PDB file of N, CA and C in Angstrom:
ATOM      1  N   UNK A   1       0.835  -1.172   0.000  1.00  0.00           N
ATOM      2  CA  UNK A   1       0.000   0.000   0.000  1.00  0.00           C
ATOM      3  C   UNK A   1       0.879   1.234   0.000  1.00  0.00           C
ATOM      4  N   UNK A   2       0.300   2.339  -0.524  1.00  0.00           N
ATOM      5  CA  UNK A   2       1.068   3.578  -0.648  1.00  0.00           C
ATOM      6  C   UNK A   2       1.412   4.187   0.691  1.00  0.00           C
ATOM      7  N   UNK A   3       0.549   4.024   1.693  1.00  0.00           N
ATOM      8  CA  UNK A   3       0.802   4.574   3.025  1.00  0.00           C
ATOM      9  C   UNK A   3       1.956   3.881   3.704  1.00  0.00           C
ATOM     10  N   UNK A   4       1.998   2.552   3.517  1.00  0.00           N
ATOM     11  CA  UNK A   4       3.108   1.790   4.111  1.00  0.00           C
ATOM     12  C   UNK A   4       4.432   2.169   3.457  1.00  0.00           C
ATOM     13  N   UNK A   5       4.400   2.359   2.153  1.00  0.00           N
ATOM     14  CA  UNK A   5       5.616   2.743   1.432  1.00  0.00           C
ATOM     15  C   UNK A   5       6.065   4.118   1.860  1.00  0.00           C
ATOM     16  N   UNK A   6       5.149   5.034   2.048  1.00  0.00           N
ATOM     17  CA  UNK A   6       5.501   6.397   2.481  1.00  0.00           C
ATOM     18  C   UNK A   6       6.059   6.357   3.895  1.00  0.00           C
ATOM     19  N   UNK A   7       5.469   5.517   4.757  1.00  0.00           N
ATOM     20  CA  UNK A   7       5.958   5.407   6.134  1.00  0.00           C
ATOM     21  C   UNK A   7       7.351   4.789   6.152  1.00  0.00           C
ATOM     22  N   UNK A   8       7.544   3.769   5.320  1.00  0.00           N
ATOM     23  CA  UNK A   8       8.859   3.125   5.251  1.00  0.00           C
ATOM     24  C   UNK A   8       9.894   4.109   4.715  1.00  0.00           C
ATOM     25  N   UNK A   9       9.475   4.909   3.723  1.00  0.00           N
ATOM     26  CA  UNK A   9      10.387   5.910   3.155  1.00  0.00           C
ATOM     27  C   UNK A   9      10.725   6.969   4.202  1.00  0.00           C
ATOM     28  N   UNK A  10       9.732   7.399   4.945  1.00  0.00           N
ATOM     29  CA  UNK A  10       9.965   8.410   5.992  1.00  0.00           C
ATOM     30  C   UNK A  10      10.887   7.851   7.077  1.00  0.00           C
ATOM     31  N   UNK A  11      10.635   6.574   7.421  1.00  0.00           N
ATOM     32  CA  UNK A  11      11.500   5.937   8.442  1.00  0.00           C
ATOM     33  C   UNK A  11      12.931   5.822   7.927  1.00  0.00           C
ATOM     34  N   UNK A  12      13.040   5.464   6.654  1.00  0.00           N
ATOM     35  CA  UNK A  12      14.377   5.337   6.052  1.00  0.00           C
ATOM     36  C   UNK A  12      15.093   6.696   6.053  1.00  0.00           C
ATOM     37  N   UNK A  13      14.368   7.746   5.678  1.00  0.00           N
ATOM     38  CA  UNK A  13      14.967   9.087   5.661  1.00  0.00           C
ATOM     39  C   UNK A  13      15.353   9.528   7.075  1.00  0.00           C
ATOM     40  N   UNK A  14      14.545   9.181   8.069  1.00  0.00           N
ATOM     41  CA  UNK A  14      14.865   9.516   9.468  1.00  0.00           C
ATOM     42  C   UNK A  14      16.130   8.795   9.906  1.00  0.00           C
ATOM     43  N   UNK A  15      16.252   7.508   9.510  1.00  0.00           N
ATOM     44  CA  UNK A  15      17.466   6.754   9.845  1.00  0.00           C
ATOM     45  C   UNK A  15      18.692   7.344   9.156  1.00  0.00           C
ATOM     46  N   UNK A  16      18.521   7.754   7.910  1.00  0.00           N
ATOM     47  CA  UNK A  16      19.631   8.383   7.171  1.00  0.00           C
ATOM     48  C   UNK A  16      20.039   9.687   7.861  1.00  0.00           C
ATOM     49  N   UNK A  17      19.063  10.490   8.263  1.00  0.00           N
ATOM     50  CA  UNK A  17      19.356  11.749   8.971  1.00  0.00           C
ATOM     51  C   UNK A  17      20.081  11.469  10.291  1.00  0.00           C
ATOM     52  N   UNK A  18      19.608  10.448  11.000  1.00  0.00           N
ATOM     53  CA  UNK A  18      20.261  10.082  12.273  1.00  0.00           C
ATOM     54  C   UNK A  18      21.707   9.648  12.037  1.00  0.00           C
ATOM     55  N   UNK A  19      21.905   8.824  11.001  1.00  0.00           N
ATOM     56  CA  UNK A  19      23.268   8.369  10.690  1.00  0.00           C
ATOM     57  C   UNK A  19      24.158   9.549  10.291  1.00  0.00           C
ATOM     58  N   UNK A  20      23.611  10.473   9.521  1.00  0.00           N
ATOM     59  CA  UNK A  20      24.379  11.663   9.132  1.00  0.00           C
ATOM     60  C   UNK A  20      24.741  12.477  10.381  1.00  0.00           C
ATOM     61  N   UNK A  21      23.774  12.616  11.276  1.00  0.00           N
ATOM     62  CA  UNK A  21      24.036  13.352  12.524  1.00  0.00           C
ATOM     63  C   UNK A  21      25.135  12.688  13.339  1.00  0.00           C
ATOM     64  N   UNK A  22      25.068  11.353  13.441  1.00  0.00           N
ATOM     65  CA  UNK A  22      26.102  10.614  14.185  1.00  0.00           C
ATOM     66  C   UNK A  22      27.461  10.750  13.503  1.00  0.00           C
ATOM     67  N   UNK A  23      27.436  10.699  12.168  1.00  0.00           N
ATOM     68  CA  UNK A  23      28.693  10.833  11.421  1.00  0.00           C
ATOM     69  C   UNK A  23      29.296  12.221  11.638  1.00  0.00           C
ATOM     70  N   UNK A  24      28.460  13.251  11.590  1.00  0.00           N
ATOM     71  CA  UNK A  24      28.935  14.620  11.829  1.00  0.00           C
ATOM     72  C   UNK A  24      29.496  14.753  13.251  1.00  0.00           C
ATOM     73  N   UNK A  25      28.803  14.183  14.228  1.00  0.00           N
ATOM     74  CA  UNK A  25      29.270  14.226  15.621  1.00  0.00           C
ATOM     75  C   UNK A  25      30.612  13.505  15.751  1.00  0.00           C
ATOM     76  N   UNK A  26      30.742  12.350  15.103  1.00  0.00           N
ATOM     77  CA  UNK A  26      31.997  11.597  15.149  1.00  0.00           C
ATOM     78  C   UNK A  26      33.122  12.408  14.515  1.00  0.00           C
ATOM     79  N   UNK A  27      32.842  13.066  13.372  1.00  0.00           N
ATOM     80  CA  UNK A  27      33.863  13.903  12.731  1.00  0.00           C
ATOM     81  C   UNK A  27      34.249  15.076  13.630  1.00  0.00           C
ATOM     82  N   UNK A  28      33.252  15.675  14.280  1.00  0.00           N
ATOM     83  CA  UNK A  28      33.525  16.800  15.187  1.00  0.00           C
ATOM     84  C   UNK A  28      34.408  16.352  16.351  1.00  0.00           C
ATOM     85  N   UNK A  29      34.074  15.198  16.942  1.00  0.00           N
ATOM     86  CA  UNK A  29      34.890  14.683  18.059  1.00  0.00           C
ATOM     87  C   UNK A  29      36.298  14.338  17.597  1.00  0.00           C
ATOM     88  N   UNK A  30      36.400  13.743  16.401  1.00  0.00           N
ATOM     89  CA  UNK A  30      37.716  13.405  15.856  1.00  0.00           C
ATOM     90  C   UNK A  30      38.544  14.673  15.614  1.00  0.00           C
ATOM     91  N   UNK A  31      37.900  15.686  15.059  1.00  0.00           N
ATOM     92  CA  UNK A  31      38.573  16.957  14.805  1.00  0.00           C
ATOM     93  C   UNK A  31      39.039  17.597  16.112  1.00  0.00           C
ATOM     94  N   UNK A  32      38.178  17.564  17.119  1.00  0.00           N
ATOM     95  CA  UNK A  32      38.530  18.113  18.440  1.00  0.00           C
ATOM     96  C   UNK A  32      39.692  17.335  19.058  1.00  0.00           C
ATOM     97  N   UNK A  33      39.655  16.018  18.938  1.00  0.00           N
ATOM     98  CA  UNK A  33      40.741  15.194  19.479  1.00  0.00           C
ATOM     99  C   UNK A  33      42.056  15.503  18.755  1.00  0.00           C
ATOM    100  N   UNK A  34      41.987  15.667  17.441  1.00  0.00           N
ATOM    101  CA  UNK A  34      43.196  16.011  16.680  1.00  0.00           C
ATOM    102  C   UNK A  34      43.730  17.376  17.114  1.00  0.00           C
ATOM    103  N   UNK A  35      42.801  18.342  17.289  1.00  0.00           N
ATOM    104  CA  UNK A  35      43.214  19.685  17.720  1.00  0.00           C
ATOM    105  C   UNK A  35      43.888  19.626  19.088  1.00  0.00           C
ATOM    106  N   UNK A  36      43.293  18.870  20.021  1.00  0.00           N
ATOM    107  CA  UNK A  36      43.898  18.743  21.357  1.00  0.00           C
ATOM    108  C   UNK A  36      45.262  18.074  21.274  1.00  0.00           C
ATOM    109  N   UNK A  37      45.376  17.035  20.431  1.00  0.00           N
ATOM    110  CA  UNK A  37      46.662  16.341  20.280  1.00  0.00           C
ATOM    111  C   UNK A  37      47.707  17.289  19.702  1.00  0.00           C
ATOM    112  N   UNK A  38      47.324  18.078  18.704  1.00  0.00           N
ATOM    113  CA  UNK A  38      48.266  19.034  18.114  1.00  0.00           C
ATOM    114  C   UNK A  38      48.667  20.109  19.117  1.00  0.00           C
ATOM    115  N   UNK A  39      47.686  20.571  19.915  1.00  0.00           N
ATOM    116  CA  UNK A  39      47.993  21.548  20.972  1.00  0.00           C
ATOM    117  C   UNK A  39      48.997  20.960  21.959  1.00  0.00           C
ATOM    118  N   UNK A  40      48.774  19.700  22.349  1.00  0.00           N
ATOM    119  CA  UNK A  40      49.667  19.036  23.304  1.00  0.00           C
ATOM    120  C   UNK A  40      51.063  18.875  22.701  1.00  0.00           C
ATOM    121  N   UNK A  41      51.104  18.476  21.427  1.00  0.00           N
ATOM    122  CA  UNK A  41      52.403  18.334  20.750  1.00  0.00           C
ATOM    123  C   UNK A  41      53.110  19.684  20.701  1.00  0.00           C
ATOM    124  N   UNK A  42      52.368  20.731  20.394  1.00  0.00           N
ATOM    125  CA  UNK A  42      52.955  22.075  20.369  1.00  0.00           C
ATOM    126  C   UNK A  42      53.480  22.486  21.731  1.00  0.00           C
ATOM    127  N   UNK A  43      52.698  22.228  22.769  1.00  0.00           N
ATOM    128  CA  UNK A  43      53.120  22.573  24.125  1.00  0.00           C
ATOM    129  C   UNK A  43      54.362  21.788  24.524  1.00  0.00           C
ATOM    130  N   UNK A  44      54.384  20.504  24.173  1.00  0.00           N
ATOM    131  CA  UNK A  44      55.563  19.689  24.488  1.00  0.00           C
ATOM    132  C   UNK A  44      56.784  20.180  23.727  1.00  0.00           C
ATOM    133  N   UNK A  45      56.584  20.610  22.485  1.00  0.00           N
ATOM    134  CA  UNK A  45      57.690  21.161  21.702  1.00  0.00           C
ATOM    135  C   UNK A  45      58.244  22.423  22.334  1.00  0.00           C
ATOM    136  N   UNK A  46      57.329  23.298  22.798  1.00  0.00           N
ATOM    137  CA  UNK A  46      57.767  24.524  23.467  1.00  0.00           C
ATOM    138  C   UNK A  46      58.499  24.197  24.759  1.00  0.00           C
ATOM    139  N   UNK A  47      57.948  23.257  25.527  1.00  0.00           N
ATOM    140  CA  UNK A  47      58.581  22.854  26.782  1.00  0.00           C
ATOM    141  C   UNK A  47      59.959  22.256  26.516  1.00  0.00           C
ATOM    142  N   UNK A  48      60.044  21.462  25.480  1.00  0.00           N
ATOM    143  CA  UNK A  48      61.316  20.850  25.109  1.00  0.00           C
ATOM    144  C   UNK A  48      62.329  21.919  24.733  1.00  0.00           C
ATOM    145  N   UNK A  49      61.888  22.931  23.986  1.00  0.00           N
ATOM    146  CA  UNK A  49      62.797  24.021  23.606  1.00  0.00           C
ATOM    147  C   UNK A  49      63.278  24.773  24.843  1.00  0.00           C
ATOM    148  N   UNK A  50      62.370  25.018  25.781  1.00  0.00           N
ATOM    149  CA  UNK A  50      62.751  25.698  27.026  1.00  0.00           C
ATOM    150  C   UNK A  50      63.766  24.856  27.796  1.00  0.00           C
ATOM    151  N   UNK A  51      63.507  23.547  27.873  1.00  0.00           N
ATOM    152  CA  UNK A  51      64.431  22.664  28.593  1.00  0.00           C
ATOM    153  C   UNK A  51      65.795  22.632  27.911  1.00  0.00           C
ATOM    154  N   UNK A  52      65.807  22.641  26.576  1.00  0.00           N
ATOM    155  CA  UNK A  52      67.089  22.661  25.861  1.00  0.00           C
ATOM    156  C   UNK A  52      67.836  23.955  26.154  1.00  0.00           C
ATOM    157  N   UNK A  53      67.115  25.080  26.192  1.00  0.00           N
ATOM    158  CA  UNK A  53      67.744  26.369  26.508  1.00  0.00           C
ATOM    159  C   UNK A  53      68.293  26.359  27.931  1.00  0.00           C
ATOM    160  N   UNK A  54      67.514  25.825  28.877  1.00  0.00           N
ATOM    161  CA  UNK A  54      67.976  25.757  30.269  1.00  0.00           C
ATOM    162  C   UNK A  54      69.193  24.853  30.389  1.00  0.00           C
ATOM    163  N   UNK A  55      69.190  23.737  29.674  1.00  0.00           N
ATOM    164  CA  UNK A  55      70.343  22.826  29.713  1.00  0.00           C
ATOM    165  C   UNK A  55      71.579  23.511  29.144  1.00  0.00           C
ATOM    166  N   UNK A  56      71.409  24.261  28.066  1.00  0.00           N
ATOM    167  CA  UNK A  56      72.548  24.989  27.479  1.00  0.00           C
ATOM    168  C   UNK A  56      73.073  26.031  28.465  1.00  0.00           C
ATOM    169  N   UNK A  57      72.164  26.720  29.144  1.00  0.00           N
ATOM    170  CA  UNK A  57      72.575  27.721  30.142  1.00  0.00           C
ATOM    171  C   UNK A  57      73.322  27.056  31.302  1.00  0.00           C
ATOM    172  N   UNK A  58      72.823  25.911  31.752  1.00  0.00           N
ATOM    173  CA  UNK A  58      73.496  25.200  32.842  1.00  0.00           C
ATOM    174  C   UNK A  58      74.874  24.710  32.415  1.00  0.00           C
ATOM    175  N   UNK A  59      74.989  24.235  31.168  1.00  0.00           N
ATOM    176  CA  UNK A  59      76.311  23.818  30.667  1.00  0.00           C
ATOM    177  C   UNK A  59      77.269  25.004  30.620  1.00  0.00           C
ATOM    178  N   UNK A  60      76.754  26.179  30.190  1.00  0.00           N
ATOM    179  CA  UNK A  60      77.588  27.387  30.137  1.00  0.00           C
ATOM    180  C   UNK A  60      78.046  27.781  31.547  1.00  0.00           C
ATOM    181  N   UNK A  61      77.131  27.734  32.500  1.00  0.00           N
ATOM    182  CA  UNK A  61      77.487  28.083  33.890  1.00  0.00           C
ATOM    183  C   UNK A  61      78.503  27.100  34.461  1.00  0.00           C
ATOM    184  N   UNK A  62      78.327  25.824  34.131  1.00  0.00           N
ATOM    185  CA  UNK A  62      79.279  24.814  34.598  1.00  0.00           C
ATOM    186  C   UNK A  62      80.663  25.082  34.033  1.00  0.00           C
ATOM    187  N   UNK A  63      80.736  25.419  32.752  1.00  0.00           N
ATOM    188  CA  UNK A  63      82.024  25.724  32.138  1.00  0.00           C
ATOM    189  C   UNK A  63      82.659  26.944  32.801  1.00  0.00           C
ATOM    190  N   UNK A  64      81.833  27.957  33.094  1.00  0.00           N
ATOM    191  CA  UNK A  64      82.344  29.141  33.788  1.00  0.00           C
ATOM    192  C   UNK A  64      82.876  28.762  35.171  1.00  0.00           C
ATOM    193  N   UNK A  65      82.113  27.944  35.891  1.00  0.00           N
ATOM    194  CA  UNK A  65      82.533  27.529  37.232  1.00  0.00           C
ATOM    195  C   UNK A  65      83.831  26.726  37.166  1.00  0.00           C
ATOM    196  N   UNK A  66      83.933  25.854  36.172  1.00  0.00           N
ATOM    197  CA  UNK A  66      85.165  25.074  36.021  1.00  0.00           C
ATOM    198  C   UNK A  66      86.336  25.980  35.695  1.00  0.00           C
ATOM    199  N   UNK A  67      86.119  26.997  34.853  1.00  0.00           N
ATOM    200  CA  UNK A  67      87.189  27.940  34.519  1.00  0.00           C
ATOM    201  C   UNK A  67      87.619  28.723  35.757  1.00  0.00           C
ATOM    202  N   UNK A  68      86.635  29.155  36.553  1.00  0.00           N
ATOM    203  CA  UNK A  68      86.957  29.896  37.777  1.00  0.00           C
ATOM    204  C   UNK A  68      87.728  28.994  38.749  1.00  0.00           C
ATOM    205  N   UNK A  69      87.285  27.738  38.872  1.00  0.00           N
ATOM    206  CA  UNK A  69      87.968  26.804  39.769  1.00  0.00           C
ATOM    207  C   UNK A  69      89.397  26.566  39.302  1.00  0.00           C
ATOM    208  N   UNK A  70      89.590  26.428  38.003  1.00  0.00           N
ATOM    209  CA  UNK A  70      90.941  26.221  37.477  1.00  0.00           C
ATOM    210  C   UNK A  70      91.799  27.460  37.748  1.00  0.00           C
ATOM    211  N   UNK A  71      91.196  28.626  37.559  1.00  0.00           N
ATOM    212  CA  UNK A  71      91.926  29.871  37.814  1.00  0.00           C
ATOM    213  C   UNK A  71      92.283  29.980  39.294  1.00  0.00           C
ATOM    214  N   UNK A  72      91.337  29.647  40.156  1.00  0.00           N
ATOM    215  CA  UNK A  72      91.620  29.680  41.595  1.00  0.00           C
ATOM    216  C   UNK A  72      92.739  28.710  41.952  1.00  0.00           C
ATOM    217  N   UNK A  73      92.683  27.526  41.346  1.00  0.00           N
ATOM    218  CA  UNK A  73      93.725  26.539  41.602  1.00  0.00           C
ATOM    219  C   UNK A  73      95.094  27.072  41.214  1.00  0.00           C
ATOM    220  N   UNK A  74      95.152  27.767  40.080  1.00  0.00           N
ATOM    221  CA  UNK A  74      96.421  28.354  39.651  1.00  0.00           C
ATOM    222  C   UNK A  74      96.867  29.441  40.623  1.00  0.00           C
ATOM    223  N   UNK A  75      95.917  30.263  41.075  1.00  0.00           N
ATOM    224  CA  UNK A  75      96.251  31.336  42.022  1.00  0.00           C
ATOM    225  C   UNK A  75      96.732  30.744  43.336  1.00  0.00           C
ATOM    226  N   UNK A  76      96.022  29.713  43.828  1.00  0.00           N
ATOM    227  CA  UNK A  76      96.421  29.076  45.085  1.00  0.00           C
ATOM    228  C   UNK A  76      97.809  28.452  44.950  1.00  0.00           C
ATOM    229  N   UNK A  77      98.044  27.787  43.835  1.00  0.00           N
ATOM    230  CA  UNK A  77      99.361  27.180  43.625  1.00  0.00           C
ATOM    231  C   UNK A  77     100.444  28.242  43.585  1.00  0.00           C
ATOM    232  N   UNK A  78     100.171  29.348  42.920  1.00  0.00           N
ATOM    233  CA  UNK A  78     101.163  30.437  42.856  1.00  0.00           C
ATOM    234  C   UNK A  78     101.408  31.022  44.244  1.00  0.00           C
ATOM    235  N   UNK A  79     100.306  31.218  45.005  1.00  0.00           N
ATOM    236  CA  UNK A  79     100.471  31.764  46.362  1.00  0.00           C
ATOM    237  C   UNK A  79     101.227  30.790  47.267  1.00  0.00           C
ATOM    238  N   UNK A  80     100.921  29.502  47.129  1.00  0.00           N
ATOM    239  CA  UNK A  80     101.655  28.512  47.926  1.00  0.00           C
ATOM    240  C   UNK A  80     103.130  28.525  47.565  1.00  0.00           C
ATOM    241  N   UNK A  81     103.415  28.648  46.277  1.00  0.00           N
ATOM    242  CA  UNK A  81     104.814  28.734  45.841  1.00  0.00           C
ATOM    243  C   UNK A  81     105.499  29.952  46.418  1.00  0.00           C
ATOM    244  N   UNK A  82     104.803  31.081  46.394  1.00  0.00           N
ATOM    245  CA  UNK A  82     105.388  32.315  46.963  1.00  0.00           C
ATOM    246  C   UNK A  82     105.573  32.178  48.464  1.00  0.00           C
ATOM    247  N   UNK A  83     104.606  31.540  49.138  1.00  0.00           N
ATOM    248  CA  UNK A  83     104.721  31.350  50.587  1.00  0.00           C
ATOM    249  C   UNK A  83     105.900  30.453  50.919  1.00  0.00           C
ATOM    250  N   UNK A  84     106.042  29.361  50.169  1.00  0.00           N
ATOM    251  CA  UNK A  84     107.185  28.471  50.399  1.00  0.00           C
ATOM    252  C   UNK A  84     108.492  29.195  50.151  1.00  0.00           C
ATOM    253  N   UNK A  85     108.550  30.000  49.091  1.00  0.00           N
ATOM    254  CA  UNK A  85     109.767  30.767  48.797  1.00  0.00           C
ATOM    255  C   UNK A  85     110.034  31.776  49.905  1.00  0.00           C
ATOM    256  N   UNK A  86     108.958  32.407  50.381  1.00  0.00           N
ATOM    257  CA  UNK A  86     109.104  33.383  51.463  1.00  0.00           C
ATOM    258  C   UNK A  86     109.586  32.701  52.743  1.00  0.00           C
ATOM    259  N   UNK A  87     109.003  31.527  53.047  1.00  0.00           N
ATOM    260  CA  UNK A  87     109.432  30.773  54.228  1.00  0.00           C
ATOM    261  C   UNK A  87     110.899  30.387  54.116  1.00  0.00           C
ATOM    262  N   UNK A  88     111.282  29.933  52.934  1.00  0.00           N
ATOM    263  CA  UNK A  88     112.679  29.514  52.735  1.00  0.00           C
ATOM    264  C   UNK A  88     113.608  30.707  52.886  1.00  0.00           C
ATOM    265  N   UNK A  89     113.192  31.868  52.366  1.00  0.00           N
ATOM    266  CA  UNK A  89     114.041  33.062  52.448  1.00  0.00           C
ATOM    267  C   UNK A  89     114.102  33.597  53.866  1.00  0.00           C
ATOM    268  N   UNK A  90     113.001  33.477  54.612  1.00  0.00           N
ATOM    269  CA  UNK A  90     112.982  34.063  55.955  1.00  0.00           C
ATOM    270  C   UNK A  90     113.476  33.091  57.024  1.00  0.00           C
ATOM    271  N   UNK A  91     113.680  31.837  56.696  1.00  0.00           N
ATOM    272  CA  UNK A  91     114.135  30.873  57.697  1.00  0.00           C
ATOM    273  C   UNK A  91     115.428  31.304  58.386  1.00  0.00           C
ATOM    274  N   UNK A  92     116.440  31.736  57.649  1.00  0.00           N
ATOM    275  CA  UNK A  92     117.660  32.182  58.349  1.00  0.00           C
ATOM    276  C   UNK A  92     117.389  33.394  59.231  1.00  0.00           C
ATOM    277  N   UNK A  93     116.551  34.323  58.759  1.00  0.00           N
ATOM    278  CA  UNK A  93     116.232  35.509  59.557  1.00  0.00           C
ATOM    279  C   UNK A  93     115.484  35.110  60.825  1.00  0.00           C
ATOM    280  N   UNK A  94     114.514  34.184  60.675  1.00  0.00           N
ATOM    281  CA  UNK A  94     113.738  33.718  61.826  1.00  0.00           C
ATOM    282  C   UNK A  94     114.660  33.031  62.815  1.00  0.00           C
ATOM    283  N   UNK A  95     115.559  32.200  62.329  1.00  0.00           N
ATOM    284  CA  UNK A  95     116.499  31.498  63.218  1.00  0.00           C
ATOM    285  C   UNK A  95     117.380  32.499  63.959  1.00  0.00           C
ATOM    286  N   UNK A  96     117.825  33.529  63.263  1.00  0.00           N
ATOM    287  CA  UNK A  96     118.670  34.545  63.902  1.00  0.00           C
ATOM    288  C   UNK A  96     117.888  35.298  64.975  1.00  0.00           C
ATOM    289  N   UNK A  97     116.626  35.652  64.675  1.00  0.00           N
ATOM    290  CA  UNK A  97     115.800  36.347  65.664  1.00  0.00           C
ATOM    291  C   UNK A  97     115.535  35.470  66.878  1.00  0.00           C
ATOM    292  N   UNK A  98     115.281  34.185  66.664  1.00  0.00           N
ATOM    293  CA  UNK A  98     115.056  33.275  67.780  1.00  0.00           C
ATOM    294  C   UNK A  98     116.324  33.135  68.619  1.00  0.00           C
ATOM    295  N   UNK A  99     117.462  33.105  67.966  1.00  0.00           N
ATOM    296  CA  UNK A  99     118.738  33.022  68.707  1.00  0.00           C
ATOM    297  C   UNK A  99     118.951  34.282  69.536  1.00  0.00           C
ATOM    298  N   UNK A 100     118.638  35.451  68.951  1.00  0.00           N
ATOM    299  CA  UNK A 100     118.773  36.721  69.693  1.00  0.00           C
ATOM    300  C   UNK A 100     117.834  36.738  70.896  1.00  0.00           C
ATOM    301  N   UNK A 101     116.603  36.272  70.689  1.00  0.00           N
ATOM    302  CA  UNK A 101     115.633  36.247  71.785  1.00  0.00           C
ATOM    303  C   UNK A 101     116.115  35.311  72.890  1.00  0.00           C
ATOM    304  N   UNK A 102     116.616  34.135  72.509  1.00  0.00           N
ATOM    305  CA  UNK A 102     117.126  33.187  73.502  1.00  0.00           C
ATOM    306  C   UNK A 102     118.324  33.784  74.254  1.00  0.00           C
ATOM    307  N   UNK A 103     119.172  34.469  73.517  1.00  0.00           N
ATOM    308  CA  UNK A 103     120.346  35.089  74.163  1.00  0.00           C
ATOM    309  C   UNK A 103     119.911  36.193  75.116  1.00  0.00           C
ATOM    310  N   UNK A 104     118.914  36.986  74.734  1.00  0.00           N
ATOM    311  CA  UNK A 104     118.419  38.060  75.595  1.00  0.00           C
ATOM    312  C   UNK A 104     117.768  37.468  76.842  1.00  0.00           C
ATOM    313  N   UNK A 105     117.031  36.376  76.677  1.00  0.00           N
ATOM    314  CA  UNK A 105     116.398  35.734  77.825  1.00  0.00           C
ATOM    315  C   UNK A 105     117.449  35.177  78.770  1.00  0.00           C
ATOM    316  N   UNK A 106     118.498  34.582  78.205  1.00  0.00           N
ATOM    317  CA  UNK A 106     119.594  34.051  79.038  1.00  0.00           C
ATOM    318  C   UNK A 106     120.310  35.173  79.772  1.00  0.00           C
ATOM    319  N   UNK A 107     120.531  36.290  79.069  1.00  0.00           N
ATOM    320  CA  UNK A 107     121.189  37.441  79.704  1.00  0.00           C
ATOM    321  C   UNK A 107     120.322  37.971  80.837  1.00  0.00           C
ATOM    322  N   UNK A 108     118.995  38.001  80.639  1.00  0.00           N
ATOM    323  CA  UNK A 108     118.094  38.481  81.696  1.00  0.00           C
ATOM    324  C   UNK A 108     118.143  37.545  82.886  1.00  0.00           C
ATOM    325  N   UNK A 109     118.201  36.218  82.657  1.00  0.00           N
ATOM    326  CA  UNK A 109     118.299  35.257  83.754  1.00  0.00           C
ATOM    327  C   UNK A 109     119.610  35.462  84.526  1.00  0.00           C
ATOM    328  N   UNK A 110     120.683  35.644  83.776  1.00  0.00           N
ATOM    329  CA  UNK A 110     121.989  35.830  84.415  1.00  0.00           C
ATOM    330  C   UNK A 110     121.995  37.127  85.248  1.00  0.00           C
ATOM    331  N   UNK A 111     121.344  38.173  84.710  1.00  0.00           N
ATOM    332  CA  UNK A 111     121.302  39.438  85.454  1.00  0.00           C
ATOM    333  C   UNK A 111     120.472  39.255  86.721  1.00  0.00           C
ATOM    334  N   UNK A 112     119.383  38.524  86.626  1.00  0.00           N
ATOM    335  CA  UNK A 112     118.557  38.249  87.794  1.00  0.00           C
ATOM    336  C   UNK A 112     119.343  37.443  88.822  1.00  0.00           C
ATOM    337  N   UNK A 113     120.114  36.462  88.333  1.00  0.00           N
ATOM    338  CA  UNK A 113     120.912  35.599  89.221  1.00  0.00           C
ATOM    339  C   UNK A 113     122.002  36.425  89.894  1.00  0.00           C
ATOM    340  N   UNK A 114     122.625  37.333  89.164  1.00  0.00           N
ATOM    341  CA  UNK A 114     123.706  38.170  89.732  1.00  0.00           C
ATOM    342  C   UNK A 114     123.131  39.147  90.747  1.00  0.00           C
ATOM    343  N   UNK A 115     121.923  39.612  90.509  1.00  0.00           N
ATOM    344  CA  UNK A 115     121.295  40.561  91.426  1.00  0.00           C
ATOM    345  C   UNK A 115     120.850  39.863  92.697  1.00  0.00           C
ATOM    346  N   UNK A 116     120.650  38.584  92.640  1.00  0.00           N
ATOM    347  CA  UNK A 116     120.167  37.873  93.822  1.00  0.00           C
ATOM    348  C   UNK A 116     121.254  37.500  94.739  1.00  0.00           C
TER     349      UNK A 116
END
């Protein structure tokens, strides 16, 4: 009958519309998921670039610190060398001063003994 055919046709068109709606919704969700994934990839790329910059800065600071430490080591070695040279040069003077002090102390003891 014509009424049944029209009803079947209307039902078929309703099912087609529903399927189209579901397909559009699926495409929209897929597009949104792709956009979120691309945003995340972009954010990770930016974060990675920042981390690479920070790592480069830390490597530069480490090199500076190592250079300063090497320079300090050279300065300390030079100062130790100068101190050793100074000690070696002043040893005879120090020995002479200690001998004079000992002699003065002995003379003071002898003077005290003579006065007693």
